[in-house]
Amino acid sequence: MRSLNSTIRGGDNRLSYRVARRSAYNRDAELASVVSNMASEPGTTAAQRDIAFRLLCLNHTFTSYISALGAHREQLTHPAILRLLDDAVCYVDDALHHQPADEERIQLTLADLSRRIKHLEPRPDSKEPLVLQQVGLLISLLPEMCHLQQQVVQ
């Protein structure tokens, strides 16, 4: 998390950033391969393939939103936006790894993040509006991603 945090605070092309970025794309490609292999496996239902394909599409979109944040990073100084970004990293991780019993808490947390995004006033002459937009888009994907992820596990 520390390397992501330093990346959010300004352009950073250190090895740890490049490795994390490459790892994200490698994992996305692995997921695509698994979904592709599911299509030829006997016993896989059409519903399972549809769920896996939708999860793959959402994962591609999710990765694209993160890439947009990485492509347009610059030094941010707005304290409320920096706090929101730190919280978003933790909450996204929590949402993607939560147990079904935590569903209500996760939904409330994501709703709180969305509310905070809407109430922030970014400087229009900075990358702050873009950052808030991308984080908002990431947050909006999480409920469906979590739901599909649980369906795949079952």
C-alpha atoms as a PDB file:
ATOM      1  CA  MET A   1       0.000   0.000   0.000  1.00  0.00           C
ATOM      2  CA  ARG A   2       2.833   2.388   0.712  1.00  0.00           C
ATOM      3  CA  SER A   3       4.013   2.312  -2.925  1.00  0.00           C
ATOM      4  CA  LEU A   4       0.481   3.046  -4.163  1.00  0.00           C
ATOM      5  CA  ASN A   5       0.176   5.888  -1.685  1.00  0.00           C
ATOM      6  CA  SER A   6       3.413   7.496  -2.864  1.00  0.00           C
ATOM      7  CA  THR A   7       2.285   7.022  -6.462  1.00  0.00           C
ATOM      8  CA  ILE A   8      -1.000   8.791  -5.769  1.00  0.00           C
ATOM      9  CA  ARG A   9       0.897  11.719  -4.310  1.00  0.00           C
ATOM     10  CA  GLY A  10       2.822  12.325  -7.518  1.00  0.00           C
ATOM     11  CA  GLY A  11       4.481  10.766 -10.548  1.00  0.00           C
ATOM     12  CA  ASP A  12       6.586   7.809  -9.560  1.00  0.00           C
ATOM     13  CA  ASN A  13       8.163   5.306 -11.886  1.00  0.00           C
ATOM     14  CA  ARG A  14      10.187   3.388  -9.340  1.00  0.00           C
ATOM     15  CA  LEU A  15      10.547  -0.327  -9.797  1.00  0.00           C
ATOM     16  CA  SER A  16       7.859  -1.114  -7.208  1.00  0.00           C
ATOM     17  CA  TYR A  17       5.303   0.935  -9.172  1.00  0.00           C
ATOM     18  CA  ARG A  18       6.223  -0.691 -12.470  1.00  0.00           C
ATOM     19  CA  VAL A  19       6.118  -4.180 -10.915  1.00  0.00           C
ATOM     20  CA  ALA A  20       2.682  -3.527  -9.384  1.00  0.00           C
ATOM     21  CA  ARG A  21       1.351  -2.206 -12.697  1.00  0.00           C
ATOM     22  CA  ARG A  22       2.724  -5.203 -14.620  1.00  0.00           C
ATOM     23  CA  SER A  23       1.323  -7.594 -12.010  1.00  0.00           C
ATOM     24  CA  ALA A  24      -2.153  -6.105 -12.415  1.00  0.00           C
ATOM     25  CA  TYR A  25      -2.067  -6.650 -16.168  1.00  0.00           C
ATOM     26  CA  ASN A  26      -0.665 -10.166 -15.774  1.00  0.00           C
ATOM     27  CA  ARG A  27      -3.459 -11.096 -13.374  1.00  0.00           C
ATOM     28  CA  ASP A  28      -6.033  -9.624 -15.732  1.00  0.00           C
ATOM     29  CA  ALA A  29      -4.602 -11.764 -18.542  1.00  0.00           C
ATOM     30  CA  GLU A  30      -4.692 -14.830 -16.288  1.00  0.00           C
ATOM     31  CA  LEU A  31      -8.365 -14.202 -15.558  1.00  0.00           C
ATOM     32  CA  ALA A  32      -9.056 -13.886 -19.289  1.00  0.00           C
ATOM     33  CA  SER A  33      -7.325 -17.224 -19.850  1.00  0.00           C
ATOM     34  CA  VAL A  34      -9.363 -18.925 -17.119  1.00  0.00           C
ATOM     35  CA  VAL A  35     -12.617 -17.570 -18.550  1.00  0.00           C
ATOM     36  CA  SER A  36     -11.594 -18.689 -22.012  1.00  0.00           C
ATOM     37  CA  ASN A  37     -10.755 -22.187 -20.738  1.00  0.00           C
ATOM     38  CA  MET A  38     -14.124 -22.399 -18.980  1.00  0.00           C
ATOM     39  CA  ALA A  39     -15.860 -22.216 -22.341  1.00  0.00           C
ATOM     40  CA  SER A  40     -14.408 -25.575 -23.373  1.00  0.00           C
ATOM     41  CA  GLU A  41     -14.729 -27.406 -20.063  1.00  0.00           C
ATOM     42  CA  PRO A  42     -17.492 -29.971 -19.857  1.00  0.00           C
ATOM     43  CA  GLY A  43     -19.863 -29.402 -16.986  1.00  0.00           C
ATOM     44  CA  THR A  44     -19.588 -25.627 -17.120  1.00  0.00           C
ATOM     45  CA  THR A  45     -23.063 -24.176 -17.499  1.00  0.00           C
ATOM     46  CA  ALA A  46     -24.001 -21.228 -19.671  1.00  0.00           C
ATOM     47  CA  ALA A  47     -24.862 -19.300 -16.505  1.00  0.00           C
ATOM     48  CA  GLN A  48     -21.384 -19.930 -15.070  1.00  0.00           C
ATOM     49  CA  ARG A  49     -19.766 -18.793 -18.313  1.00  0.00           C
ATOM     50  CA  ASP A  50     -21.923 -15.651 -18.364  1.00  0.00           C
ATOM     51  CA  ILE A  51     -21.006 -14.797 -14.772  1.00  0.00           C
ATOM     52  CA  ALA A  52     -17.303 -15.375 -15.440  1.00  0.00           C
ATOM     53  CA  PHE A  53     -17.398 -13.315 -18.638  1.00  0.00           C
ATOM     54  CA  ARG A  54     -19.189 -10.425 -16.904  1.00  0.00           C
ATOM     55  CA  LEU A  55     -16.628 -10.535 -14.084  1.00  0.00           C
ATOM     56  CA  LEU A  56     -13.848 -10.470 -16.683  1.00  0.00           C
ATOM     57  CA  CYS A  57     -15.387  -7.418 -18.384  1.00  0.00           C
ATOM     58  CA  LEU A  58     -15.719  -5.615 -15.048  1.00  0.00           C
ATOM     59  CA  ASN A  59     -12.135  -6.509 -14.180  1.00  0.00           C
ATOM     60  CA  HIS A  60     -10.921  -5.057 -17.495  1.00  0.00           C
ATOM     61  CA  THR A  61     -12.890  -1.882 -16.810  1.00  0.00           C
ATOM     62  CA  PHE A  62     -11.635  -1.699 -13.219  1.00  0.00           C
ATOM     63  CA  THR A  63      -8.035  -2.065 -14.386  1.00  0.00           C
ATOM     64  CA  SER A  64      -8.606   0.656 -17.000  1.00  0.00           C
ATOM     65  CA  TYR A  65      -9.847   3.086 -14.351  1.00  0.00           C
ATOM     66  CA  ILE A  66      -6.773   2.403 -12.247  1.00  0.00           C
ATOM     67  CA  SER A  67      -4.585   2.863 -15.337  1.00  0.00           C
ATOM     68  CA  ALA A  68      -6.194   6.232 -15.963  1.00  0.00           C
ATOM     69  CA  LEU A  69      -5.250   7.272 -12.446  1.00  0.00           C
ATOM     70  CA  GLY A  70      -1.689   6.124 -13.083  1.00  0.00           C
ATOM     71  CA  ALA A  71      -1.442   7.851 -16.458  1.00  0.00           C
ATOM     72  CA  HIS A  72      -2.563  11.210 -15.102  1.00  0.00           C
ATOM     73  CA  ARG A  73      -0.885  11.244 -11.747  1.00  0.00           C
ATOM     74  CA  GLU A  74       0.638  14.384 -10.421  1.00  0.00           C
ATOM     75  CA  GLN A  75       1.395  15.758  -7.003  1.00  0.00           C
ATOM     76  CA  LEU A  76      -1.879  16.200  -5.119  1.00  0.00           C
ATOM     77  CA  THR A  77      -2.026  18.477  -2.102  1.00  0.00           C
ATOM     78  CA  HIS A  78      -5.752  18.698  -1.304  1.00  0.00           C
ATOM     79  CA  PRO A  79      -5.866  17.065   2.187  1.00  0.00           C
ATOM     80  CA  ALA A  80      -9.459  15.809   1.868  1.00  0.00           C
ATOM     81  CA  ILE A  81      -8.735  14.204  -1.508  1.00  0.00           C
ATOM     82  CA  LEU A  82      -5.582  12.564  -0.159  1.00  0.00           C
ATOM     83  CA  ARG A  83      -7.577  11.167   2.794  1.00  0.00           C
ATOM     84  CA  LEU A  84     -10.259   9.950   0.408  1.00  0.00           C
ATOM     85  CA  LEU A  85      -7.641   8.197  -1.749  1.00  0.00           C
ATOM     86  CA  ASP A  86      -6.066   6.520   1.263  1.00  0.00           C
ATOM     87  CA  ASP A  87      -9.505   5.360   2.419  1.00  0.00           C
ATOM     88  CA  ALA A  88     -10.478   4.237  -1.088  1.00  0.00           C
ATOM     89  CA  VAL A  89      -7.410   1.979  -1.334  1.00  0.00           C
ATOM     90  CA  CYS A  90      -8.321   0.307   1.958  1.00  0.00           C
ATOM     91  CA  TYR A  91     -12.043   0.063   1.215  1.00  0.00           C
ATOM     92  CA  VAL A  92     -11.559  -1.331  -2.295  1.00  0.00           C
ATOM     93  CA  ASP A  93      -9.245  -3.999  -0.904  1.00  0.00           C
ATOM     94  CA  ASP A  94     -11.745  -4.741   1.868  1.00  0.00           C
ATOM     95  CA  ALA A  95     -14.645  -4.955  -0.600  1.00  0.00           C
ATOM     96  CA  LEU A  96     -12.809  -7.373  -2.875  1.00  0.00           C
ATOM     97  CA  HIS A  97     -11.825  -9.654   0.019  1.00  0.00           C
ATOM     98  CA  HIS A  98     -14.861  -9.505   2.311  1.00  0.00           C
ATOM     99  CA  GLN A  99     -16.986 -12.351   3.593  1.00  0.00           C
ATOM    100  CA  PRO A 100     -20.701 -12.546   2.701  1.00  0.00           C
ATOM    101  CA  ALA A 101     -21.589 -11.635   6.306  1.00  0.00           C
ATOM    102  CA  ASP A 102     -19.843  -8.263   5.805  1.00  0.00           C
ATOM    103  CA  GLU A 103     -21.958  -7.296   2.772  1.00  0.00           C
ATOM    104  CA  GLU A 104     -24.032  -4.619   4.542  1.00  0.00           C
ATOM    105  CA  ARG A 105     -20.958  -2.977   6.063  1.00  0.00           C
ATOM    106  CA  ILE A 106     -19.220  -2.943   2.680  1.00  0.00           C
ATOM    107  CA  GLN A 107     -22.251  -1.362   0.973  1.00  0.00           C
ATOM    108  CA  LEU A 108     -22.422   1.372   3.642  1.00  0.00           C
ATOM    109  CA  THR A 109     -18.695   2.053   3.309  1.00  0.00           C
ATOM    110  CA  LEU A 110     -18.908   2.361  -0.477  1.00  0.00           C
ATOM    111  CA  ALA A 111     -21.944   4.633  -0.185  1.00  0.00           C
ATOM    112  CA  ASP A 112     -19.985   6.814   2.246  1.00  0.00           C
ATOM    113  CA  LEU A 113     -17.068   7.050  -0.191  1.00  0.00           C
ATOM    114  CA  SER A 114     -19.437   8.033  -3.015  1.00  0.00           C
ATOM    115  CA  ARG A 115     -21.011  10.697  -0.806  1.00  0.00           C
ATOM    116  CA  ARG A 116     -17.599  12.075   0.133  1.00  0.00           C
ATOM    117  CA  ILE A 117     -16.595  12.265  -3.541  1.00  0.00           C
ATOM    118  CA  LYS A 118     -19.719  14.257  -4.393  1.00  0.00           C
ATOM    119  CA  HIS A 119     -19.096  16.753  -1.585  1.00  0.00           C
ATOM    120  CA  LEU A 120     -15.457  17.482  -2.374  1.00  0.00           C
ATOM    121  CA  GLU A 121     -14.612  20.610  -4.299  1.00  0.00           C
ATOM    122  CA  PRO A 122     -11.605  19.884  -6.502  1.00  0.00           C
ATOM    123  CA  ARG A 123      -9.582  22.650  -8.063  1.00  0.00           C
ATOM    124  CA  PRO A 124     -10.573  22.769 -11.752  1.00  0.00           C
ATOM    125  CA  ASP A 125      -7.017  23.720 -12.793  1.00  0.00           C
ATOM    126  CA  SER A 126      -5.621  20.434 -11.449  1.00  0.00           C
ATOM    127  CA  LYS A 127      -5.999  16.689 -11.961  1.00  0.00           C
ATOM    128  CA  GLU A 128      -8.259  16.525  -8.898  1.00  0.00           C
ATOM    129  CA  PRO A 129     -11.555  16.338 -10.890  1.00  0.00           C
ATOM    130  CA  LEU A 130     -10.159  13.448 -12.969  1.00  0.00           C
ATOM    131  CA  VAL A 131      -8.948  11.630  -9.862  1.00  0.00           C
ATOM    132  CA  LEU A 132     -12.334  11.962  -8.181  1.00  0.00           C
ATOM    133  CA  GLN A 133     -14.116  10.818 -11.324  1.00  0.00           C
ATOM    134  CA  GLN A 134     -11.942   7.712 -11.670  1.00  0.00           C
ATOM    135  CA  VAL A 135     -12.264   6.809  -7.986  1.00  0.00           C
ATOM    136  CA  GLY A 136     -16.040   7.269  -8.258  1.00  0.00           C
ATOM    137  CA  LEU A 137     -16.113   4.951 -11.267  1.00  0.00           C
ATOM    138  CA  LEU A 138     -14.042   2.356  -9.405  1.00  0.00           C
ATOM    139  CA  ILE A 139     -16.392   2.512  -6.439  1.00  0.00           C
ATOM    140  CA  SER A 140     -19.442   2.158  -8.677  1.00  0.00           C
ATOM    141  CA  LEU A 141     -18.158  -1.164 -10.069  1.00  0.00           C
ATOM    142  CA  LEU A 142     -17.472  -2.786  -6.726  1.00  0.00           C
ATOM    143  CA  PRO A 143     -20.988  -3.934  -5.719  1.00  0.00           C
ATOM    144  CA  GLU A 144     -21.486  -5.912  -8.930  1.00  0.00           C
ATOM    145  CA  MET A 145     -17.904  -7.200  -8.899  1.00  0.00           C
ATOM    146  CA  CYS A 146     -18.307  -8.434  -5.319  1.00  0.00           C
ATOM    147  CA  HIS A 147     -21.627 -10.068  -6.128  1.00  0.00           C
ATOM    148  CA  LEU A 148     -20.207 -11.858  -9.170  1.00  0.00           C
ATOM    149  CA  GLN A 149     -17.092 -12.836  -7.270  1.00  0.00           C
ATOM    150  CA  GLN A 150     -19.242 -14.524  -4.624  1.00  0.00           C
ATOM    151  CA  GLN A 151     -21.235 -16.331  -7.304  1.00  0.00           C
ATOM    152  CA  VAL A 152     -18.056 -17.652  -8.912  1.00  0.00           C
ATOM    153  CA  VAL A 153     -16.738 -18.918  -5.562  1.00  0.00           C
ATOM    154  CA  GLN A 154     -19.988 -20.783  -4.905  1.00  0.00           C
END
